[in-house]
N, C-alpha and C. Protein backbone atom coordinates (compact mmCIF):
# COMPACT_ATOMS: atom_id res chain seq x y z
N MET A 1 -20.48 12.02 7.85
CA MET A 1 -20.02 11.53 6.56
C MET A 1 -20.03 10.00 6.56
N GLY A 2 -20.72 9.45 5.60
CA GLY A 2 -20.77 8.00 5.49
C GLY A 2 -19.73 7.47 4.53
N LEU A 3 -19.70 6.17 4.41
CA LEU A 3 -18.73 5.54 3.53
C LEU A 3 -19.06 5.73 2.06
N THR A 4 -20.22 6.28 1.75
CA THR A 4 -20.57 6.56 0.36
C THR A 4 -20.39 8.03 0.00
N ASP A 5 -19.93 8.81 0.96
CA ASP A 5 -19.70 10.24 0.72
C ASP A 5 -18.56 10.39 -0.29
N PRO A 6 -18.80 11.09 -1.40
CA PRO A 6 -17.75 11.24 -2.42
C PRO A 6 -16.45 11.83 -1.86
N ALA A 7 -16.54 12.73 -0.92
CA ALA A 7 -15.33 13.33 -0.34
C ALA A 7 -14.52 12.29 0.43
N VAL A 8 -15.21 11.41 1.14
CA VAL A 8 -14.54 10.35 1.90
C VAL A 8 -13.87 9.38 0.95
N ILE A 9 -14.57 9.03 -0.13
CA ILE A 9 -14.01 8.12 -1.12
C ILE A 9 -12.78 8.74 -1.78
N GLU A 10 -12.87 10.00 -2.16
CA GLU A 10 -11.73 10.69 -2.79
C GLU A 10 -10.54 10.75 -1.84
N GLU A 11 -10.79 11.04 -0.58
CA GLU A 11 -9.72 11.09 0.42
C GLU A 11 -9.06 9.72 0.58
N ALA A 12 -9.86 8.67 0.59
CA ALA A 12 -9.31 7.32 0.73
C ALA A 12 -8.44 6.95 -0.47
N TYR A 13 -8.89 7.29 -1.67
CA TYR A 13 -8.09 7.00 -2.86
C TYR A 13 -6.81 7.82 -2.89
N ALA A 14 -6.87 9.06 -2.44
CA ALA A 14 -5.66 9.89 -2.38
C ALA A 14 -4.65 9.27 -1.42
N ALA A 15 -5.12 8.78 -0.29
CA ALA A 15 -4.23 8.13 0.68
C ALA A 15 -3.65 6.85 0.10
N TYR A 16 -4.47 6.11 -0.65
CA TYR A 16 -4.03 4.87 -1.29
C TYR A 16 -2.92 5.15 -2.31
N VAL A 17 -3.11 6.17 -3.13
CA VAL A 17 -2.10 6.54 -4.13
C VAL A 17 -0.81 6.98 -3.45
N ALA A 18 -0.93 7.76 -2.39
CA ALA A 18 0.26 8.22 -1.67
C ALA A 18 1.01 7.04 -1.04
N ALA A 19 0.27 6.10 -0.47
CA ALA A 19 0.91 4.93 0.14
C ALA A 19 1.59 4.08 -0.93
N ALA A 20 0.95 3.90 -2.07
CA ALA A 20 1.54 3.11 -3.15
C ALA A 20 2.82 3.77 -3.66
N ALA A 21 2.82 5.08 -3.77
CA ALA A 21 4.01 5.80 -4.21
C ALA A 21 5.14 5.65 -3.19
N ARG A 22 4.80 5.71 -1.93
CA ARG A 22 5.82 5.56 -0.88
C ARG A 22 6.41 4.15 -0.93
N LEU A 23 5.57 3.14 -1.09
CA LEU A 23 6.06 1.77 -1.18
C LEU A 23 6.96 1.57 -2.40
N ALA A 24 6.58 2.16 -3.51
CA ALA A 24 7.35 2.02 -4.74
C ALA A 24 8.71 2.70 -4.64
N ALA A 25 8.82 3.72 -3.80
CA ALA A 25 10.07 4.47 -3.67
C ALA A 25 11.06 3.82 -2.70
N LEU A 26 10.64 2.80 -1.99
CA LEU A 26 11.52 2.16 -1.02
C LEU A 26 12.59 1.32 -1.72
N ASP A 27 13.73 1.20 -1.07
CA ASP A 27 14.83 0.37 -1.58
C ASP A 27 14.80 -0.97 -0.84
N TYR A 28 14.41 -2.00 -1.54
CA TYR A 28 14.29 -3.33 -0.96
C TYR A 28 15.56 -4.15 -1.13
N SER A 29 16.57 -3.61 -1.79
CA SER A 29 17.75 -4.38 -2.18
C SER A 29 18.56 -4.92 -1.00
N GLY A 30 18.47 -4.31 0.15
CA GLY A 30 19.25 -4.77 1.30
C GLY A 30 18.53 -5.76 2.19
N LEU A 31 17.31 -6.10 1.84
CA LEU A 31 16.53 -7.00 2.68
C LEU A 31 16.85 -8.46 2.36
N PRO A 32 16.83 -9.30 3.39
CA PRO A 32 17.07 -10.72 3.15
C PRO A 32 15.89 -11.36 2.39
N ILE A 33 16.17 -12.46 1.72
CA ILE A 33 15.15 -13.14 0.92
C ILE A 33 13.92 -13.47 1.75
N LYS A 34 14.11 -13.95 2.97
CA LYS A 34 12.98 -14.31 3.84
C LYS A 34 12.04 -13.12 4.03
N THR A 35 12.59 -11.96 4.26
CA THR A 35 11.79 -10.75 4.45
C THR A 35 11.10 -10.35 3.15
N LEU A 36 11.82 -10.43 2.04
CA LEU A 36 11.22 -10.10 0.74
C LEU A 36 10.03 -11.00 0.43
N LEU A 37 10.18 -12.29 0.71
CA LEU A 37 9.08 -13.23 0.47
C LEU A 37 7.89 -12.94 1.38
N ALA A 38 8.16 -12.58 2.62
CA ALA A 38 7.08 -12.24 3.55
C ALA A 38 6.34 -10.99 3.07
N LEU A 39 7.08 -10.00 2.60
CA LEU A 39 6.45 -8.78 2.08
C LEU A 39 5.63 -9.08 0.83
N GLN A 40 6.17 -9.93 -0.04
CA GLN A 40 5.44 -10.31 -1.25
C GLN A 40 4.13 -11.01 -0.88
N SER A 41 4.18 -11.89 0.09
CA SER A 41 2.98 -12.59 0.53
C SER A 41 1.95 -11.61 1.07
N ARG A 42 2.39 -10.66 1.87
CA ARG A 42 1.47 -9.64 2.40
C ARG A 42 0.83 -8.85 1.27
N ARG A 43 1.63 -8.46 0.29
CA ARG A 43 1.12 -7.67 -0.84
C ARG A 43 0.08 -8.46 -1.63
N GLU A 44 0.34 -9.74 -1.84
CA GLU A 44 -0.56 -10.56 -2.63
C GLU A 44 -1.88 -10.85 -1.92
N THR A 45 -1.90 -10.74 -0.60
CA THR A 45 -3.13 -11.05 0.13
C THR A 45 -3.90 -9.80 0.57
N LEU A 46 -3.43 -8.62 0.20
CA LEU A 46 -4.16 -7.39 0.53
C LEU A 46 -5.52 -7.39 -0.15
N LYS A 47 -6.50 -6.95 0.57
CA LYS A 47 -7.85 -6.87 -0.01
C LYS A 47 -8.39 -5.49 0.16
């Protein structure tokens, strides 16, 4: 299976959606500002 295989692409997108849902469900309210800013920086630089 290559990187252009539709099944591989679908599986990757399903994993991406699941990861995004998991991240959205997390409670960030107890984290210190420094950690929140570091996480925001990581999110903004994802490619």
